[in-house]
N, C-alpha and C. Protein backbone atom coordinates (compact mmCIF):
# COMPACT_ATOMS: atom_id res chain seq x y z
N VAL A 1 -3.45 14.53 20.76
CA VAL A 1 -3.70 15.02 19.42
C VAL A 1 -3.70 13.86 18.42
N ILE A 2 -2.72 12.97 18.51
CA ILE A 2 -2.63 11.85 17.57
C ILE A 2 -3.87 10.97 17.67
N ARG A 3 -4.31 10.68 18.88
CA ARG A 3 -5.50 9.85 19.07
C ARG A 3 -6.72 10.49 18.41
N GLU A 4 -6.86 11.81 18.58
CA GLU A 4 -8.00 12.51 17.97
C GLU A 4 -7.94 12.43 16.44
N ILE A 5 -6.76 12.60 15.89
CA ILE A 5 -6.61 12.51 14.43
C ILE A 5 -6.99 11.11 13.95
N ARG A 6 -6.51 10.09 14.64
CA ARG A 6 -6.83 8.71 14.25
C ARG A 6 -8.33 8.46 14.31
N GLU A 7 -8.99 8.93 15.37
CA GLU A 7 -10.44 8.75 15.50
C GLU A 7 -11.19 9.51 14.42
N MET A 8 -10.74 10.74 14.10
CA MET A 8 -11.40 11.51 13.05
C MET A 8 -11.25 10.85 11.68
N LEU A 9 -10.06 10.27 11.41
CA LEU A 9 -9.87 9.58 10.13
C LEU A 9 -10.79 8.37 10.01
N LEU A 10 -10.95 7.63 11.10
CA LEU A 10 -11.89 6.50 11.08
C LEU A 10 -13.31 6.99 10.84
N GLU A 11 -13.67 8.09 11.50
CA GLU A 11 -15.01 8.66 11.32
C GLU A 11 -15.22 9.09 9.87
N MET A 12 -14.20 9.72 9.27
CA MET A 12 -14.30 10.12 7.85
C MET A 12 -14.52 8.91 6.95
N ALA A 13 -13.95 7.77 7.34
CA ALA A 13 -14.10 6.55 6.55
C ALA A 13 -15.41 5.83 6.85
N GLY A 14 -16.18 6.36 7.78
CA GLY A 14 -17.47 5.76 8.10
C GLY A 14 -17.37 4.49 8.93
N THR A 15 -16.33 4.40 9.75
CA THR A 15 -16.14 3.22 10.58
C THR A 15 -15.59 3.63 11.94
N SER A 16 -15.27 2.64 12.78
CA SER A 16 -14.77 2.97 14.12
C SER A 16 -13.97 1.81 14.70
N LYS A 17 -13.29 2.09 15.81
CA LYS A 17 -12.57 1.03 16.52
C LYS A 17 -13.55 -0.02 17.04
N ASP A 18 -14.76 0.43 17.43
CA ASP A 18 -15.78 -0.50 17.93
C ASP A 18 -16.18 -1.52 16.87
N GLN A 19 -16.02 -1.16 15.58
CA GLN A 19 -16.33 -2.07 14.48
C GLN A 19 -15.12 -2.93 14.11
N GLY A 20 -14.03 -2.77 14.86
CA GLY A 20 -12.86 -3.61 14.63
C GLY A 20 -11.79 -2.98 13.74
N TRP A 21 -11.91 -1.70 13.44
CA TRP A 21 -10.94 -1.04 12.56
C TRP A 21 -9.99 -0.18 13.36
N GLU A 22 -8.84 0.09 12.78
CA GLU A 22 -7.83 0.93 13.40
C GLU A 22 -7.21 1.81 12.34
N CYS A 23 -6.75 2.97 12.73
CA CYS A 23 -6.07 3.89 11.84
C CYS A 23 -4.65 4.05 12.36
N VAL A 24 -3.68 3.86 11.49
CA VAL A 24 -2.28 3.99 11.88
C VAL A 24 -1.64 5.10 11.06
N LEU A 25 -1.11 6.09 11.73
CA LEU A 25 -0.42 7.16 11.03
C LEU A 25 1.01 6.70 10.74
N VAL A 26 1.45 6.91 9.52
CA VAL A 26 2.77 6.46 9.11
C VAL A 26 3.59 7.67 8.69
N GLN A 27 4.74 7.83 9.31
CA GLN A 27 5.64 8.92 8.94
C GLN A 27 6.80 8.35 8.15
N GLY A 28 7.14 9.00 7.07
CA GLY A 28 8.26 8.55 6.26
C GLY A 28 8.09 9.01 4.83
N SER A 29 8.97 8.54 4.00
CA SER A 29 8.91 8.89 2.58
C SER A 29 7.74 8.17 1.91
N GLY A 30 7.42 8.61 0.72
CA GLY A 30 6.37 7.92 -0.04
C GLY A 30 6.72 6.48 -0.30
N THR A 31 8.00 6.21 -0.55
CA THR A 31 8.45 4.84 -0.77
C THR A 31 8.22 3.99 0.47
N MET A 32 8.50 4.53 1.64
CA MET A 32 8.30 3.79 2.88
C MET A 32 6.82 3.46 3.09
N CYS A 33 5.96 4.41 2.77
CA CYS A 33 4.53 4.18 2.92
C CYS A 33 4.04 3.10 1.95
N VAL A 34 4.50 3.16 0.71
CA VAL A 34 4.12 2.15 -0.28
C VAL A 34 4.60 0.77 0.18
N GLU A 35 5.83 0.70 0.67
CA GLU A 35 6.36 -0.58 1.13
C GLU A 35 5.55 -1.14 2.30
N SER A 36 5.14 -0.27 3.22
CA SER A 36 4.36 -0.77 4.36
C SER A 36 3.00 -1.30 3.90
N VAL A 37 2.40 -0.68 2.90
CA VAL A 37 1.12 -1.17 2.38
C VAL A 37 1.30 -2.50 1.65
N ILE A 38 2.32 -2.58 0.81
CA ILE A 38 2.58 -3.83 0.09
C ILE A 38 2.82 -4.97 1.07
N ASN A 39 3.62 -4.70 2.08
CA ASN A 39 3.97 -5.73 3.06
C ASN A 39 2.78 -6.18 3.89
N SER A 40 1.84 -5.28 4.15
CA SER A 40 0.73 -5.64 5.03
C SER A 40 -0.58 -5.94 4.31
N ALA A 41 -0.74 -5.48 3.09
CA ALA A 41 -2.04 -5.63 2.42
C ALA A 41 -2.06 -6.63 1.27
N VAL A 42 -0.90 -6.96 0.72
CA VAL A 42 -0.87 -7.91 -0.41
C VAL A 42 -0.59 -9.30 0.14
N PRO A 43 -1.55 -10.21 0.03
CA PRO A 43 -1.34 -11.57 0.55
C PRO A 43 -0.22 -12.29 -0.19
N PRO A 44 0.38 -13.28 0.44
CA PRO A 44 1.40 -14.06 -0.26
C PRO A 44 0.76 -14.85 -1.41
N PRO A 45 1.56 -15.26 -2.39
CA PRO A 45 1.01 -15.98 -3.54
C PRO A 45 0.20 -17.21 -3.16
N GLY A 46 0.62 -17.93 -2.13
CA GLY A 46 -0.12 -19.12 -1.70
C GLY A 46 -1.52 -18.81 -1.23
N ALA A 47 -1.75 -17.55 -0.85
CA ALA A 47 -3.08 -17.11 -0.40
C ALA A 47 -3.79 -16.31 -1.49
N GLY A 48 -3.30 -16.40 -2.71
CA GLY A 48 -3.95 -15.72 -3.83
C GLY A 48 -3.46 -14.32 -4.07
N GLY A 49 -2.38 -13.93 -3.40
CA GLY A 49 -1.87 -12.57 -3.56
C GLY A 49 -1.20 -12.34 -4.90
N ARG A 50 -1.52 -11.22 -5.49
CA ARG A 50 -0.93 -10.84 -6.76
C ARG A 50 -1.08 -9.33 -6.87
N LEU A 51 -0.12 -8.66 -7.45
CA LEU A 51 -0.16 -7.20 -7.54
C LEU A 51 0.03 -6.76 -8.98
N LEU A 52 -0.80 -5.83 -9.41
CA LEU A 52 -0.65 -5.21 -10.72
C LEU A 52 -0.10 -3.81 -10.50
N VAL A 53 1.04 -3.51 -11.12
CA VAL A 53 1.66 -2.20 -11.02
C VAL A 53 1.60 -1.53 -12.38
N ALA A 54 0.97 -0.36 -12.44
CA ALA A 54 0.99 0.46 -13.65
C ALA A 54 2.18 1.41 -13.49
N SER A 55 3.21 1.21 -14.29
CA SER A 55 4.46 1.95 -14.12
C SER A 55 4.72 2.88 -15.29
N ASN A 56 5.11 4.11 -14.95
CA ASN A 56 5.56 5.02 -16.00
C ASN A 56 6.98 5.52 -15.70
N GLY A 57 7.71 4.71 -14.91
CA GLY A 57 9.09 5.10 -14.62
C GLY A 57 9.65 4.41 -13.39
N ALA A 58 10.65 5.04 -12.80
CA ALA A 58 11.40 4.44 -11.71
C ALA A 58 10.55 4.13 -10.49
N TYR A 59 9.60 5.00 -10.15
CA TYR A 59 8.80 4.79 -8.95
C TYR A 59 7.94 3.53 -9.07
N GLY A 60 7.30 3.34 -10.21
CA GLY A 60 6.49 2.15 -10.43
C GLY A 60 7.33 0.88 -10.44
N LEU A 61 8.50 0.96 -11.07
CA LEU A 61 9.39 -0.20 -11.08
C LEU A 61 9.88 -0.52 -9.67
N ARG A 62 10.08 0.52 -8.85
CA ARG A 62 10.47 0.31 -7.45
C ARG A 62 9.36 -0.41 -6.69
N MET A 63 8.11 -0.04 -6.95
CA MET A 63 6.98 -0.73 -6.31
C MET A 63 6.99 -2.21 -6.66
N ALA A 64 7.19 -2.51 -7.93
CA ALA A 64 7.20 -3.90 -8.37
C ALA A 64 8.34 -4.67 -7.70
N LYS A 65 9.51 -4.07 -7.62
CA LYS A 65 10.65 -4.73 -7.00
C LYS A 65 10.40 -5.00 -5.51
N MET A 66 9.80 -4.03 -4.83
CA MET A 66 9.47 -4.22 -3.41
C MET A 66 8.55 -5.42 -3.24
N ALA A 67 7.50 -5.46 -4.06
CA ALA A 67 6.54 -6.56 -3.95
C ALA A 67 7.21 -7.90 -4.22
N GLU A 68 8.07 -7.95 -5.22
CA GLU A 68 8.78 -9.20 -5.53
C GLU A 68 9.67 -9.61 -4.35
N MET A 69 10.29 -8.64 -3.69
CA MET A 69 11.15 -8.95 -2.54
C MET A 69 10.35 -9.54 -1.38
N TYR A 70 9.07 -9.18 -1.29
CA TYR A 70 8.20 -9.75 -0.26
C TYR A 70 7.56 -11.06 -0.72
N GLY A 71 7.88 -11.49 -1.93
CA GLY A 71 7.40 -12.77 -2.42
C GLY A 71 6.10 -12.71 -3.19
N ALA A 72 5.60 -11.53 -3.47
CA ALA A 72 4.33 -11.41 -4.21
C ALA A 72 4.54 -11.66 -5.70
N GLU A 73 3.52 -12.20 -6.34
CA GLU A 73 3.52 -12.29 -7.79
C GLU A 73 3.16 -10.91 -8.32
N VAL A 74 3.93 -10.43 -9.27
CA VAL A 74 3.75 -9.05 -9.75
C VAL A 74 3.61 -9.03 -11.26
N ASP A 75 2.62 -8.29 -11.73
CA ASP A 75 2.47 -8.00 -13.16
C ASP A 75 2.68 -6.51 -13.32
N VAL A 76 3.48 -6.13 -14.31
CA VAL A 76 3.77 -4.71 -14.55
C VAL A 76 3.25 -4.32 -15.93
N ILE A 77 2.51 -3.25 -15.97
CA ILE A 77 2.09 -2.63 -17.23
C ILE A 77 2.90 -1.34 -17.33
N SER A 78 3.72 -1.23 -18.35
CA SER A 78 4.60 -0.08 -18.48
C SER A 78 4.07 0.92 -19.50
N TYR A 79 4.14 2.17 -19.12
CA TYR A 79 3.75 3.28 -19.98
C TYR A 79 4.88 4.30 -19.99
N GLY A 80 4.98 5.07 -21.05
CA GLY A 80 5.94 6.16 -21.08
C GLY A 80 5.48 7.28 -20.17
N GLU A 81 6.37 8.18 -19.85
CA GLU A 81 6.06 9.27 -18.92
C GLU A 81 4.95 10.19 -19.44
N THR A 82 4.74 10.25 -20.72
CA THR A 82 3.73 11.15 -21.27
C THR A 82 2.46 10.45 -21.71
N GLU A 83 2.38 9.14 -21.49
CA GLU A 83 1.18 8.41 -21.91
C GLU A 83 0.09 8.50 -20.87
């Protein structure tokens, strides 16, 4: 079942394993998923990595802190909860 789901997600994205792509299902909290993306998709500063976080509260600030812990350069734009 998992293999079929992964293949269908690649097909939905218009790509395939034959083209060099892979789909990885991640189970966990939203914070865990965000951390896995930051850790794997944001290059280190020496490679030009930089992250812009639009924050309207604790969750956005948590994203920025995670990125900083991985060594990324982070810019935060803060907005109020109702903006």
